[in-house]
Structure formats: structure tokens, C-alpha cells
């Protein structure tokens, strides 16, 4: 075995969504100048994505988070996703901050306020830490609005960047439950094919449970089901409802997120949730490995 490169990661999940946080990597110093010019086309990032996110080491539901130095914030965070385009996720910020605080890589602040640099700019978040445990992380989302309603679907934009289409249940899916997972997956693949090449970030099936509770499934661009209620989707659902102050969004898998509209002079929305560390790993890149780029089973 030839140890050409070694990566140290800490895995975490947020409401079921998995993140592989790279705390040490062979190319850390390349990102000391900030994240503005970095791209998913970077060959070193591509190699890290293939090694850490693909099977047999990863899986389709895993997102990579590279922690890098920042001259503007506490740390910089670069996301690596299975898709080629730039990727951003609020849940990933929860995972990264939880990992860094619980492993002692950044100090706990008395005021609980942290600044994270991303490809979407500086994101201000707060963490409630009790001893060595991060009890919760609060994320502000300033921009989310209903852009259009037509043909029984609603188009919502998050951060003026990510566009989600909200759908009511089709006749083929009587309710969002594991019993109907096959029908949900079929619908997801079909809707992804219909919108291929469009600038949609995801499609969200929404089922009303109570006045302030919904169950939803988010379908990503390639037709794969998101493994959590999804922070973007939860805020998009609330933004689509005129006058509603909060909504709890449940997933197929028993996890949930609650979004609230901010009152008073603050605009936008707030979500408070929690990340859970699931393990620490060291991955070695061996150029002689015939599966060094991995594969995905869909």
C-alpha cells in the first residue's frame, strides 16, 4: 500500500442528513486566501469527493465539508457534494460547528456567536454549549420568499439563489409514509427527469398533518430523496404560507425541523436544531486501489 494522501474526518448527522467533516486534509493550505475563487472543478477537491463520498467509503446521502482557515470569520467551510456544481447547505454548518466545538478545535465563546465563511458569504450562527456538548445551533435565514404559484405548485426561492418547487400529493401517493416509499421514489425520478436542465434546486412533496405541522419529502436534482426534512425546504414551506408564524416539518424517517418567522425589526426566519457526531475516520488514498474513485448504487 502506498500512502499518497491521508484525510482525517469526523462524521455527523443533522436530522438524518449525513456530513463528512474534513478536519485535516492534504490541501488545507491552498484555501488560506478565502473561498471566493474555489470551485468544484478543483482536481484535489474532485479526488477528495470521489474518495470520501463515493462507495465503498461513503454513499449517495453523504456531503463533504472541508474546514479551512479564514481571515474573515472563525473558520471557512467548503461543501463537496456528489453533484458537480457549487453546493451550500445550512445543515452542514450545524454539523461543522458541532464537530469543531465538541472536538475542541475552536474555543467555546461565552456569547455563543460564531462566524462561518462560505461560498455564500459570511453566515452568523449561534450555539448553545453545555459542557462539551453542543445542545443546539441556531441558523438565521434572511431571504426566502414565494416567487410564483401556478398549476397547483408553488415556487419558492431561498437566499435569492436556491429555487424549490412545492407540490401537493399526487393521486399515486395517498400519504407520505414508508409504506408508499416505492411510489415516492418513482415520482421523484419522474419529476427530476421532467425538469432536467432547469435551475431547480429541489422538489418538495408536502402533506398537511395539523395546522402547524407538515410532513414532506425533498427530491434532489437527480431524483434522490433527501435524508432529512431539509432546512431549505422547511423555511420554503413556511414562506409559502401567508400569516403563519411557525411550521414543524417531519421527514419520512421520524426526524423533524421547526422554522419560525422572526418578529419585530428582524426579517427572515430562524431554525434551531442539533447535530450529532457519529464517528471519526482516517481515509487513505492509494493510487493502486482499483476502486480509488468509488461508485454509487442508486
Protein backbone atom coordinates (compact mmCIF):
# COMPACT_ATOMS: atom_id res chain seq x y z
CA UNK A 1 0.00 0.00 0.00
CA UNK A 2 1.26 3.47 -0.95
CA UNK A 3 0.04 6.23 1.42
CA UNK A 4 -0.09 9.08 -1.06
CA UNK A 5 -2.66 11.17 0.83
CA UNK A 6 -4.43 10.87 4.18
CA UNK A 7 -7.67 12.55 5.23
CA UNK A 8 -9.00 12.81 8.78
CA UNK A 9 -12.75 13.28 9.07
CA UNK A 10 -15.41 13.44 11.74
CA UNK A 11 -18.88 12.33 10.64
CA UNK A 12 -22.09 13.89 11.95
CA UNK A 13 -25.76 13.97 11.07
CA UNK A 14 -28.38 16.69 11.35
CA UNK A 15 -31.97 15.39 11.40
CA UNK A 16 -30.76 12.35 9.44
CA UNK A 17 -28.66 14.18 6.85
CA UNK A 18 -25.08 12.88 6.85
CA UNK A 19 -21.94 15.05 6.71
CA UNK A 20 -18.29 14.05 6.49
CA UNK A 21 -16.34 16.94 8.03
CA UNK A 22 -12.72 17.02 6.84
CA UNK A 23 -10.73 18.44 9.74
CA UNK A 24 -7.32 17.57 8.22
CA UNK A 25 -6.61 17.20 4.52
CA UNK A 26 -3.60 17.20 2.14
CA UNK A 27 -4.52 20.56 0.60
CA UNK A 28 -5.58 22.63 3.59
CA UNK A 29 -3.08 25.45 2.91
CA UNK A 30 -4.48 26.05 -0.59
CA UNK A 31 -7.52 27.74 0.91
CA UNK A 32 -5.90 30.24 3.27
CA UNK A 33 -6.83 33.15 0.98
CA UNK A 34 -10.57 32.56 1.27
CA UNK A 35 -13.24 30.65 -0.60
CA UNK A 36 -14.31 33.11 -3.29
CA UNK A 37 -12.39 31.59 -6.19
CA UNK A 38 -12.57 27.95 -5.22
CA UNK A 39 -14.56 25.64 -7.45
CA UNK A 40 -15.92 22.12 -7.52
CA UNK A 41 -13.68 21.70 -10.60
CA UNK A 42 -10.56 21.82 -8.42
CA UNK A 43 -8.84 18.44 -9.13
CA UNK A 44 -7.89 17.94 -5.48
CA UNK A 45 -11.47 18.50 -4.38
CA UNK A 46 -12.67 16.13 -7.08
CA UNK A 47 -10.30 13.45 -5.80
CA UNK A 48 -11.46 14.04 -2.21
CA UNK A 49 -15.09 13.79 -3.32
CA UNK A 50 -14.51 10.50 -5.11
CA UNK A 51 -12.58 9.04 -2.19
CA UNK A 52 -14.70 10.23 0.72
CA UNK A 53 -18.25 10.44 -0.65
CA UNK A 54 -18.49 7.52 -3.05
CA UNK A 55 -18.87 3.90 -2.04
CA UNK A 56 -17.26 1.80 -0.59
CA UNK A 57 -16.21 4.59 1.80
CA UNK A 58 -19.25 6.85 1.54
CA UNK A 59 -22.72 6.80 -0.02
CA UNK A 60 -25.08 8.98 -2.06
CA UNK A 61 -26.53 10.65 1.04
CA UNK A 62 -23.16 11.93 2.30
CA UNK A 63 -21.99 15.54 1.88
CA UNK A 64 -18.38 16.56 2.43
CA UNK A 65 -17.46 19.61 4.50
CA UNK A 66 -13.89 20.92 4.21
CA UNK A 67 -12.85 23.10 7.16
CA UNK A 68 -10.30 25.74 6.11
CA UNK A 69 -8.70 28.84 7.66
CA UNK A 70 -10.48 32.16 7.23
CA UNK A 71 -9.24 35.72 7.65
CA UNK A 72 -12.83 36.99 7.89
CA UNK A 73 -14.55 34.51 10.19
CA UNK A 74 -13.91 31.87 12.84
CA UNK A 75 -13.45 29.23 10.11
CA UNK A 76 -14.18 28.70 6.46
CA UNK A 77 -16.43 25.88 5.22
CA UNK A 78 -16.38 24.47 1.70
CA UNK A 79 -19.02 21.90 0.77
CA UNK A 80 -18.31 18.95 -1.54
CA UNK A 81 -21.35 17.23 -2.99
CA UNK A 82 -21.98 14.43 -5.47
CA UNK A 83 -23.22 17.00 -7.97
CA UNK A 84 -20.57 18.98 -9.87
CA UNK A 85 -21.92 22.47 -9.20
CA UNK A 86 -21.17 24.55 -6.10
CA UNK A 87 -23.18 23.37 -3.13
CA UNK A 88 -24.38 25.02 0.06
CA UNK A 89 -26.39 23.66 2.96
CA UNK A 90 -27.37 25.22 6.29
CA UNK A 91 -27.45 21.78 7.90
CA UNK A 92 -23.79 21.40 7.00
CA UNK A 93 -22.99 24.49 9.05
CA UNK A 94 -24.72 22.90 12.04
CA UNK A 95 -22.66 19.74 11.54
CA UNK A 96 -19.36 21.59 11.14
CA UNK A 97 -19.85 23.83 14.17
CA UNK A 98 -20.92 20.86 16.29
CA UNK A 99 -17.85 18.86 15.27
CA UNK A 100 -15.41 21.73 15.83
CA UNK A 101 -16.79 22.62 19.26
CA UNK A 102 -17.23 19.08 20.57
CA UNK A 103 -13.71 18.06 19.46
CA UNK A 104 -12.14 21.22 20.90
CA UNK A 105 -10.82 22.56 17.59
CA UNK A 106 -12.30 26.00 18.18
CA UNK A 107 -12.95 27.54 21.61
CA UNK A 108 -16.39 27.84 23.13
CA UNK A 109 -17.45 31.50 23.23
CA UNK A 110 -19.37 32.95 26.13
CA UNK A 111 -21.83 34.73 23.85
CA UNK A 112 -22.27 31.62 21.67
CA UNK A 113 -21.86 33.65 18.46
CA UNK A 114 -19.79 32.30 15.56
CA UNK A 115 -19.00 33.48 12.05
CA UNK A 116 -18.60 30.92 9.28
CA UNK A 117 -17.24 31.86 5.85
CA UNK A 118 -18.87 30.02 2.94
CA UNK A 119 -19.27 30.39 -0.81
CA UNK A 120 -22.49 32.26 0.09
CA UNK A 121 -20.59 34.79 2.22
CA UNK A 122 -20.32 35.09 6.00
CA UNK A 123 -23.05 33.26 7.94
CA UNK A 124 -23.62 34.26 11.58
CA UNK A 125 -24.82 31.39 13.74
CA UNK A 126 -25.13 30.77 17.48
CA UNK A 127 -24.53 27.64 19.54
CA UNK A 128 -25.79 26.61 22.95
CA UNK A 129 -22.99 24.57 24.55
CA UNK A 130 -23.36 22.71 27.84
CA UNK A 131 -20.02 21.37 29.00
CA UNK A 132 -18.57 19.54 25.99
CA UNK A 133 -21.90 19.03 24.25
CA UNK A 134 -23.50 21.30 21.66
CA UNK A 135 -27.16 21.26 22.68
CA UNK A 136 -28.38 23.29 19.73
CA UNK A 137 -27.34 25.56 16.85
CA UNK A 138 -29.49 28.45 15.65
CA UNK A 139 -29.39 29.42 11.98
CA UNK A 140 -30.84 32.68 10.58
CA UNK A 141 -32.20 32.66 7.03
CA UNK A 142 -32.82 36.22 5.88
CA UNK A 143 -34.16 35.78 2.36
CA UNK A 144 -36.90 33.33 1.46
CA UNK A 145 -39.99 34.26 -0.48
CA UNK A 146 -42.80 32.84 -2.57
CA UNK A 147 -41.99 33.68 -6.17
CA UNK A 148 -44.87 32.12 -8.10
CA UNK A 149 -47.95 29.92 -7.75
CA UNK A 150 -49.28 28.05 -10.75
CA UNK A 151 -50.82 24.67 -11.67
CA UNK A 152 -51.12 23.61 -8.02
CA UNK A 153 -47.40 24.09 -7.33
CA UNK A 154 -45.55 26.90 -5.54
CA UNK A 155 -42.11 28.16 -6.47
CA UNK A 156 -40.08 29.46 -3.51
CA UNK A 157 -36.59 30.99 -3.57
CA UNK A 158 -34.21 30.66 -0.62
CA UNK A 159 -31.42 33.24 -0.30
CA UNK A 160 -32.38 34.56 -3.75
CA UNK A 161 -30.36 31.64 -5.06
CA UNK A 162 -31.89 28.21 -4.47
CA UNK A 163 -35.27 27.54 -6.08
CA UNK A 164 -37.63 24.89 -4.70
CA UNK A 165 -40.95 23.77 -6.17
CA UNK A 166 -43.57 22.73 -3.62
CA UNK A 167 -46.08 20.07 -4.74
CA UNK A 168 -49.24 18.68 -3.19
CA UNK A 169 -49.53 14.88 -3.16
CA UNK A 170 -50.35 13.23 -6.49
CA UNK A 171 -53.01 10.52 -6.71
CA UNK A 172 -50.32 7.83 -6.79
CA UNK A 173 -49.19 8.77 -3.25
CA UNK A 174 -52.08 8.72 -0.72
CA UNK A 175 -49.85 9.76 2.19
CA UNK A 176 -46.16 10.33 2.90
CA UNK A 177 -45.23 7.15 4.73
CA UNK A 178 -42.65 4.39 4.42
CA UNK A 179 -45.41 2.10 3.13
CA UNK A 180 -45.50 4.24 -0.02
CA UNK A 181 -41.72 4.69 -0.40
CA UNK A 182 -41.66 2.94 -3.78
CA UNK A 183 -44.31 5.30 -5.21
CA UNK A 184 -42.50 8.31 -3.75
CA UNK A 185 -39.19 7.24 -5.31
CA UNK A 186 -40.87 6.66 -8.68
CA UNK A 187 -42.49 10.10 -8.56
CA UNK A 188 -39.15 11.66 -7.59
CA UNK A 189 -37.29 10.12 -10.52
CA UNK A 190 -40.02 11.16 -12.95
CA UNK A 191 -40.18 14.77 -11.72
CA UNK A 192 -36.37 15.04 -11.85
CA UNK A 193 -36.36 13.82 -15.46
CA UNK A 194 -39.10 16.28 -16.42
CA UNK A 195 -37.12 19.20 -15.01
CA UNK A 196 -33.68 18.11 -16.17
CA UNK A 197 -31.57 21.09 -17.20
CA UNK A 198 -33.72 23.59 -15.31
CA UNK A 199 -32.48 25.72 -12.45
CA UNK A 200 -34.49 23.94 -9.75
CA UNK A 201 -32.66 23.05 -6.54
CA UNK A 202 -35.25 20.52 -5.47
CA UNK A 203 -38.88 19.42 -5.49
CA UNK A 204 -40.79 19.16 -2.22
CA UNK A 205 -43.84 16.94 -1.70
CA UNK A 206 -45.89 18.43 1.15
CA UNK A 207 -48.61 16.75 3.20
CA UNK A 208 -50.55 18.75 5.81
CA UNK A 209 -50.77 16.94 9.16
CA UNK A 210 -52.12 19.64 11.52
CA UNK A 211 -52.46 23.42 11.34
CA UNK A 212 -48.77 23.94 12.09
CA UNK A 213 -47.27 20.54 11.20
CA UNK A 214 -46.47 19.07 7.80
CA UNK A 215 -44.68 16.02 6.52
CA UNK A 216 -42.54 16.48 3.45
CA UNK A 217 -40.09 14.75 1.14
CA UNK A 218 -37.45 16.71 -0.76
CA UNK A 219 -36.32 15.29 -4.09
CA UNK A 220 -32.88 16.42 -5.22
CA UNK A 221 -31.90 17.18 -8.82
CA UNK A 222 -31.00 13.60 -9.64
CA UNK A 223 -34.24 12.21 -8.22
CA UNK A 224 -32.76 11.03 -4.91
CA UNK A 225 -34.73 11.55 -1.68
CA UNK A 226 -33.15 13.95 0.80
CA UNK A 227 -32.46 12.14 4.09
CA UNK A 228 -33.86 14.87 6.34
CA UNK A 229 -36.72 17.38 6.43
CA UNK A 230 -34.15 19.83 4.94
CA UNK A 231 -33.69 23.33 6.38
CA UNK A 232 -34.23 24.99 2.98
CA UNK A 233 -37.43 23.04 2.40
CA UNK A 234 -38.77 23.77 5.89
CA UNK A 235 -38.24 27.51 5.50
CA UNK A 236 -39.67 27.40 1.96
CA UNK A 237 -42.86 25.76 3.24
CA UNK A 238 -43.28 28.44 5.91
CA UNK A 239 -42.55 31.24 3.44
CA UNK A 240 -45.32 29.94 1.18
CA UNK A 241 -47.92 30.39 3.96
CA UNK A 242 -49.11 33.92 4.40
CA UNK A 243 -49.61 34.85 8.05
CA UNK A 244 -48.29 31.60 9.56
CA UNK A 245 -45.61 32.18 12.22
CA UNK A 246 -44.08 28.71 12.52
CA UNK A 247 -44.15 25.26 10.97
CA UNK A 248 -42.81 21.89 12.05
CA UNK A 249 -41.66 19.77 9.13
CA UNK A 250 -41.41 15.99 9.62
CA UNK A 251 -39.48 13.55 7.44
CA UNK A 252 -40.34 10.02 6.38
CA UNK A 253 -37.74 8.77 8.83
CA UNK A 254 -39.01 10.30 12.09
CA UNK A 255 -36.85 13.44 12.26
CA UNK A 256 -38.22 16.98 12.27
CA UNK A 257 -37.25 20.64 11.97
CA UNK A 258 -39.16 23.72 13.10
CA UNK A 259 -38.89 27.08 11.34
CA UNK A 260 -40.12 30.35 12.82
CA UNK A 261 -40.74 33.75 11.27
CA UNK A 262 -38.84 36.50 13.03
CA UNK A 263 -40.86 39.18 14.83
CA UNK A 264 -40.07 42.84 15.31
CA UNK A 265 -37.27 44.59 13.40
CA UNK A 266 -35.62 41.33 12.34
CA UNK A 267 -36.65 39.99 8.97
CA UNK A 268 -36.46 36.44 7.74
CA UNK A 269 -36.63 33.11 9.52
CA UNK A 270 -34.87 31.12 12.23
CA UNK A 271 -34.27 27.39 12.68
CA UNK A 272 -32.78 25.85 15.82
CA UNK A 273 -31.61 22.26 15.57
CA UNK A 274 -28.87 19.92 16.71
CA UNK A 275 -26.08 17.88 15.18
CA UNK A 276 -24.81 14.52 16.40
CA UNK A 277 -21.26 13.26 15.94
CA UNK A 278 -21.29 9.64 14.72
CA UNK A 279 -17.62 8.75 14.29
CA UNK A 280 -14.04 9.68 13.43
CA UNK A 281 -12.21 8.22 10.44
CA UNK A 282 -8.91 8.26 8.61
CA UNK A 283 -9.06 7.66 4.89
CA UNK A 284 -6.01 6.85 2.79
CA UNK A 285 -5.71 7.49 -0.94
CA UNK A 286 -3.94 4.55 -2.53
CA UNK A 287 -3.41 5.07 -6.30
CA UNK A 288 -3.07 1.28 -6.72
CA UNK A 289 -6.63 0.72 -5.43
CA UNK A 290 -8.80 -0.23 -8.45
CA UNK A 291 -11.76 1.45 -6.71
CA UNK A 292 -9.95 4.65 -5.74
CA UNK A 293 -12.74 6.69 -7.39
CA UNK A 294 -15.50 4.58 -5.86
CA UNK A 295 -19.01 4.17 -7.25
CA UNK A 296 -22.63 4.85 -6.36
CA UNK A 297 -25.51 2.40 -6.14
CA UNK A 298 -28.81 4.16 -6.81
